[in-house]
Amino acid sequence: KMPNSFGIRARTRDLFKKDFRKKGLPNLTTYLKVYKVGDIVDIKADAAIQKGMPHKFYHGKTGIVYNVTKRALGVVVNKTIGNRVLKKRINLRVEHVKHSTCRDDFLNRVKRNDIAGKEAKEKGVRVPLKRVPPQPREARFVSSKGNTPSRIYPIPYELL
């Protein structure tokens, strides 16, 4: 019987696994992306590149870039330890990060609101720019003309 292993990559067989037909080295576009200080990035470890790989805890986490070097990024990630949240600074190679899309909806909504607000100001009309939760559906009547109601009965159980 073998003892339990607690190495740095223990229990990562499925965590770092690549998708079907996506195995091998990363594309060149991975290296051509531009990262700037303050960018929000998602951390996703690429198992094909072992250098500059994050610890398994940070896989799937989102952080903010605080340092940019030739091949790597410094990322600030929040880590909950006990009852407190620490800001951890980790260094990762660019293969293990990608731009986060978490703010895209917000930024698109800001642009739409600016355009709608300017148009409303020109017309002199008030337009609600806040998000509205989904409202109940409107009431409607169902006509039985040419659509006679039918009764549905359960099928009796039969032994074979």
C-alpha atoms as a PDB file:
ATOM      1  CA  LYS A   1       0.000   0.000   0.000  1.00  0.00           C
ATOM      2  CA  MET A   2       1.299   3.467  -0.937  1.00  0.00           C
ATOM      3  CA  PRO A   3       1.197   6.468   1.404  1.00  0.00           C
ATOM      4  CA  ASN A   4      -0.789   9.602   0.589  1.00  0.00           C
ATOM      5  CA  SER A   5       1.138  12.137  -1.469  1.00  0.00           C
ATOM      6  CA  PHE A   6       0.832  15.845  -0.842  1.00  0.00           C
ATOM      7  CA  GLY A   7       2.972  17.274  -3.641  1.00  0.00           C
ATOM      8  CA  ILE A   8       2.475  20.675  -5.231  1.00  0.00           C
ATOM      9  CA  ARG A   9       0.438  19.139  -8.087  1.00  0.00           C
ATOM     10  CA  ALA A  10      -1.377  16.517  -6.018  1.00  0.00           C
ATOM     11  CA  ARG A  11      -4.989  15.808  -7.083  1.00  0.00           C
ATOM     12  CA  THR A  12      -4.749  17.832 -10.308  1.00  0.00           C
ATOM     13  CA  ARG A  13      -5.346  15.027 -12.839  1.00  0.00           C
ATOM     14  CA  ASP A  14      -8.737  16.437 -13.878  1.00  0.00           C
ATOM     15  CA  LEU A  15      -8.107  20.027 -12.759  1.00  0.00           C
ATOM     16  CA  PHE A  16      -5.293  20.737 -15.232  1.00  0.00           C
ATOM     17  CA  LYS A  17      -6.610  18.403 -17.945  1.00  0.00           C
ATOM     18  CA  LYS A  18      -6.977  19.965 -21.397  1.00  0.00           C
ATOM     19  CA  ASP A  19     -10.170  19.743 -23.406  1.00  0.00           C
ATOM     20  CA  PHE A  20     -10.794  17.131 -26.104  1.00  0.00           C
ATOM     21  CA  ARG A  21      -8.819  17.964 -29.291  1.00  0.00           C
ATOM     22  CA  LYS A  22      -7.216  20.980 -27.595  1.00  0.00           C
ATOM     23  CA  LYS A  23      -4.041  19.244 -26.453  1.00  0.00           C
ATOM     24  CA  GLY A  24      -0.508  20.388 -27.249  1.00  0.00           C
ATOM     25  CA  LEU A  25       1.259  23.716 -27.097  1.00  0.00           C
ATOM     26  CA  PRO A  26      -0.675  27.022 -27.022  1.00  0.00           C
ATOM     27  CA  ASN A  27      -1.298  29.135 -30.119  1.00  0.00           C
ATOM     28  CA  LEU A  28       0.899  32.117 -30.974  1.00  0.00           C
ATOM     29  CA  THR A  29      -1.991  34.505 -30.226  1.00  0.00           C
ATOM     30  CA  THR A  30      -1.538  33.597 -26.564  1.00  0.00           C
ATOM     31  CA  TYR A  31       1.866  35.314 -26.634  1.00  0.00           C
ATOM     32  CA  LEU A  32       0.749  38.312 -28.726  1.00  0.00           C
ATOM     33  CA  LYS A  33      -1.936  39.532 -26.310  1.00  0.00           C
ATOM     34  CA  VAL A  34      -1.189  42.864 -24.630  1.00  0.00           C
ATOM     35  CA  TYR A  35      -1.584  43.093 -20.853  1.00  0.00           C
ATOM     36  CA  LYS A  36      -1.430  46.367 -18.952  1.00  0.00           C
ATOM     37  CA  VAL A  37      -1.280  47.175 -15.260  1.00  0.00           C
ATOM     38  CA  GLY A  38      -4.826  47.231 -13.894  1.00  0.00           C
ATOM     39  CA  ASP A  39      -6.239  44.667 -16.344  1.00  0.00           C
ATOM     40  CA  ILE A  40      -8.558  42.031 -14.896  1.00  0.00           C
ATOM     41  CA  VAL A  41      -7.373  38.541 -15.830  1.00  0.00           C
ATOM     42  CA  ASP A  42      -8.593  34.979 -15.276  1.00  0.00           C
ATOM     43  CA  ILE A  43      -6.011  32.443 -14.143  1.00  0.00           C
ATOM     44  CA  LYS A  44      -6.215  29.147 -15.999  1.00  0.00           C
ATOM     45  CA  ALA A  45      -3.176  26.888 -15.770  1.00  0.00           C
ATOM     46  CA  ASP A  46      -1.986  25.394 -19.064  1.00  0.00           C
ATOM     47  CA  ALA A  47      -0.646  21.907 -18.338  1.00  0.00           C
ATOM     48  CA  ALA A  48       1.578  21.925 -21.450  1.00  0.00           C
ATOM     49  CA  ILE A  49       3.721  24.738 -19.996  1.00  0.00           C
ATOM     50  CA  GLN A  50       5.163  23.874 -16.590  1.00  0.00           C
ATOM     51  CA  LYS A  51       7.217  27.052 -16.140  1.00  0.00           C
ATOM     52  CA  GLY A  52       5.495  29.908 -14.343  1.00  0.00           C
ATOM     53  CA  MET A  53       2.501  27.733 -13.515  1.00  0.00           C
ATOM     54  CA  PRO A  54       0.200  28.811 -10.680  1.00  0.00           C
ATOM     55  CA  HIS A  55      -0.541  26.646  -7.659  1.00  0.00           C
ATOM     56  CA  LYS A  56      -3.745  24.632  -8.030  1.00  0.00           C
ATOM     57  CA  PHE A  57      -5.526  26.948  -5.563  1.00  0.00           C
ATOM     58  CA  TYR A  58      -5.338  29.878  -8.001  1.00  0.00           C
ATOM     59  CA  HIS A  59      -6.657  27.899 -11.004  1.00  0.00           C
ATOM     60  CA  GLY A  60      -9.966  29.508 -11.996  1.00  0.00           C
ATOM     61  CA  LYS A  61      -9.461  32.628  -9.888  1.00  0.00           C
ATOM     62  CA  THR A  62      -9.655  36.213 -11.138  1.00  0.00           C
ATOM     63  CA  GLY A  63      -7.060  38.855 -10.303  1.00  0.00           C
ATOM     64  CA  ILE A  64      -5.700  42.265 -11.253  1.00  0.00           C
ATOM     65  CA  VAL A  65      -2.364  42.757 -13.057  1.00  0.00           C
ATOM     66  CA  TYR A  66       0.101  44.805 -10.990  1.00  0.00           C
ATOM     67  CA  ASN A  67       3.341  44.085 -12.857  1.00  0.00           C
ATOM     68  CA  VAL A  68       4.214  43.262 -16.469  1.00  0.00           C
ATOM     69  CA  THR A  69       7.540  41.736 -17.546  1.00  0.00           C
ATOM     70  CA  LYS A  70       8.792  40.259 -20.808  1.00  0.00           C
ATOM     71  CA  ARG A  71       7.237  36.808 -20.404  1.00  0.00           C
ATOM     72  CA  ALA A  72       5.217  37.006 -17.204  1.00  0.00           C
ATOM     73  CA  LEU A  73       2.661  38.977 -15.240  1.00  0.00           C
ATOM     74  CA  GLY A  74       2.324  39.855 -11.591  1.00  0.00           C
ATOM     75  CA  VAL A  75      -1.282  39.316 -10.485  1.00  0.00           C
ATOM     76  CA  VAL A  76      -3.007  40.265  -7.221  1.00  0.00           C
ATOM     77  CA  VAL A  77      -5.520  37.607  -6.139  1.00  0.00           C
ATOM     78  CA  ASN A  78      -7.746  37.545  -3.053  1.00  0.00           C
ATOM     79  CA  LYS A  79      -7.315  34.438  -0.880  1.00  0.00           C
ATOM     80  CA  THR A  80      -9.603  33.649   2.039  1.00  0.00           C
ATOM     81  CA  ILE A  81      -7.697  32.240   4.995  1.00  0.00           C
ATOM     82  CA  GLY A  82      -9.841  31.594   8.041  1.00  0.00           C
ATOM     83  CA  ASN A  83     -11.916  34.707   8.632  1.00  0.00           C
ATOM     84  CA  ARG A  84      -9.814  37.168   6.643  1.00  0.00           C
ATOM     85  CA  VAL A  85      -9.079  37.921   2.991  1.00  0.00           C
ATOM     86  CA  LEU A  86      -5.441  38.385   1.997  1.00  0.00           C
ATOM     87  CA  LYS A  87      -4.205  39.991  -1.199  1.00  0.00           C
ATOM     88  CA  LYS A  88      -1.688  37.510  -2.621  1.00  0.00           C
ATOM     89  CA  ARG A  89       0.801  38.634  -5.271  1.00  0.00           C
ATOM     90  CA  ILE A  90       1.708  35.813  -7.652  1.00  0.00           C
ATOM     91  CA  ASN A  91       3.877  35.760 -10.768  1.00  0.00           C
ATOM     92  CA  LEU A  92       2.582  33.815 -13.768  1.00  0.00           C
ATOM     93  CA  ARG A  93       3.684  33.312 -17.318  1.00  0.00           C
ATOM     94  CA  VAL A  94       1.320  34.670 -19.977  1.00  0.00           C
ATOM     95  CA  GLU A  95       0.288  31.155 -21.051  1.00  0.00           C
ATOM     96  CA  HIS A  96      -1.593  30.720 -17.776  1.00  0.00           C
ATOM     97  CA  VAL A  97      -3.732  33.900 -17.909  1.00  0.00           C
ATOM     98  CA  LYS A  98      -6.382  35.365 -20.207  1.00  0.00           C
ATOM     99  CA  HIS A  99      -8.328  38.611 -20.245  1.00  0.00           C
ATOM    100  CA  SER A 100     -11.446  38.363 -18.104  1.00  0.00           C
ATOM    101  CA  THR A 101     -14.864  39.067 -19.597  1.00  0.00           C
ATOM    102  CA  CYS A 102     -16.425  39.823 -16.206  1.00  0.00           C
ATOM    103  CA  ARG A 103     -16.769  43.587 -16.909  1.00  0.00           C
ATOM    104  CA  ASP A 104     -17.869  43.377 -20.549  1.00  0.00           C
ATOM    105  CA  ASP A 105     -21.607  43.452 -19.790  1.00  0.00           C
ATOM    106  CA  PHE A 106     -21.146  46.420 -17.457  1.00  0.00           C
ATOM    107  CA  LEU A 107     -19.060  48.424 -19.946  1.00  0.00           C
ATOM    108  CA  ASN A 108     -21.507  47.709 -22.784  1.00  0.00           C
ATOM    109  CA  ARG A 109     -24.389  48.833 -20.561  1.00  0.00           C
ATOM    110  CA  VAL A 110     -22.553  52.076 -19.726  1.00  0.00           C
ATOM    111  CA  LYS A 111     -22.094  52.814 -23.451  1.00  0.00           C
ATOM    112  CA  ARG A 112     -25.764  52.044 -24.196  1.00  0.00           C
ATOM    113  CA  ASN A 113     -26.890  54.264 -21.317  1.00  0.00           C
ATOM    114  CA  ASP A 114     -24.711  57.161 -22.493  1.00  0.00           C
ATOM    115  CA  ILE A 115     -26.197  56.986 -25.990  1.00  0.00           C
ATOM    116  CA  ALA A 116     -29.772  56.639 -24.676  1.00  0.00           C
ATOM    117  CA  GLY A 117     -29.234  59.511 -22.213  1.00  0.00           C
ATOM    118  CA  LYS A 118     -27.933  61.860 -24.931  1.00  0.00           C
ATOM    119  CA  GLU A 119     -30.848  61.031 -27.258  1.00  0.00           C
ATOM    120  CA  ALA A 120     -33.340  61.572 -24.428  1.00  0.00           C
ATOM    121  CA  LYS A 121     -31.742  64.914 -23.537  1.00  0.00           C
ATOM    122  CA  GLU A 122     -32.020  66.103 -27.153  1.00  0.00           C
ATOM    123  CA  LYS A 123     -35.718  65.135 -27.256  1.00  0.00           C
ATOM    124  CA  GLY A 124     -36.371  66.455 -23.750  1.00  0.00           C
ATOM    125  CA  VAL A 125     -37.759  63.138 -22.509  1.00  0.00           C
ATOM    126  CA  ARG A 126     -36.903  61.202 -19.347  1.00  0.00           C
ATOM    127  CA  VAL A 127     -35.654  57.673 -19.998  1.00  0.00           C
ATOM    128  CA  PRO A 128     -35.077  55.147 -17.174  1.00  0.00           C
ATOM    129  CA  LEU A 129     -31.434  53.999 -17.441  1.00  0.00           C
ATOM    130  CA  LYS A 130     -31.458  51.660 -14.456  1.00  0.00           C
ATOM    131  CA  ARG A 131     -31.776  47.920 -14.856  1.00  0.00           C
ATOM    132  CA  VAL A 132     -35.287  46.622 -14.249  1.00  0.00           C
ATOM    133  CA  PRO A 133     -35.834  43.100 -12.899  1.00  0.00           C
ATOM    134  CA  PRO A 134     -37.989  40.839 -15.098  1.00  0.00           C
ATOM    135  CA  GLN A 135     -41.648  41.734 -14.581  1.00  0.00           C
ATOM    136  CA  PRO A 136     -44.569  39.274 -14.448  1.00  0.00           C
ATOM    137  CA  ARG A 137     -46.052  38.391 -17.815  1.00  0.00           C
ATOM    138  CA  GLU A 138     -49.146  40.286 -18.873  1.00  0.00           C
ATOM    139  CA  ALA A 139     -52.549  38.660 -18.340  1.00  0.00           C
ATOM    140  CA  ARG A 140     -54.421  37.290 -21.355  1.00  0.00           C
ATOM    141  CA  PHE A 141     -57.629  35.422 -22.109  1.00  0.00           C
ATOM    142  CA  VAL A 142     -57.747  32.058 -23.856  1.00  0.00           C
ATOM    143  CA  SER A 143     -60.697  31.692 -26.173  1.00  0.00           C
ATOM    144  CA  SER A 144     -62.553  28.369 -26.259  1.00  0.00           C
ATOM    145  CA  LYS A 145     -64.218  29.164 -29.595  1.00  0.00           C
ATOM    146  CA  GLY A 146     -63.243  26.317 -31.931  1.00  0.00           C
ATOM    147  CA  ASN A 147     -61.000  25.021 -29.177  1.00  0.00           C
ATOM    148  CA  THR A 148     -63.122  22.810 -26.951  1.00  0.00           C
ATOM    149  CA  PRO A 149     -61.482  21.825 -23.660  1.00  0.00           C
ATOM    150  CA  SER A 150     -60.593  18.136 -23.363  1.00  0.00           C
ATOM    151  CA  ARG A 151     -60.226  16.037 -20.237  1.00  0.00           C
ATOM    152  CA  ILE A 152     -57.081  14.104 -19.540  1.00  0.00           C
ATOM    153  CA  TYR A 153     -57.367  10.816 -17.662  1.00  0.00           C
ATOM    154  CA  PRO A 154     -54.573   8.684 -16.224  1.00  0.00           C
ATOM    155  CA  ILE A 155     -53.856   5.420 -18.020  1.00  0.00           C
ATOM    156  CA  PRO A 156     -54.712   2.457 -15.754  1.00  0.00           C
ATOM    157  CA  TYR A 157     -51.772   0.256 -14.797  1.00  0.00           C
ATOM    158  CA  GLU A 158     -51.778  -3.093 -16.606  1.00  0.00           C
ATOM    159  CA  LEU A 159     -49.889  -6.218 -15.690  1.00  0.00           C
ATOM    160  CA  LEU A 160     -48.108  -7.887 -18.574  1.00  0.00           C
END
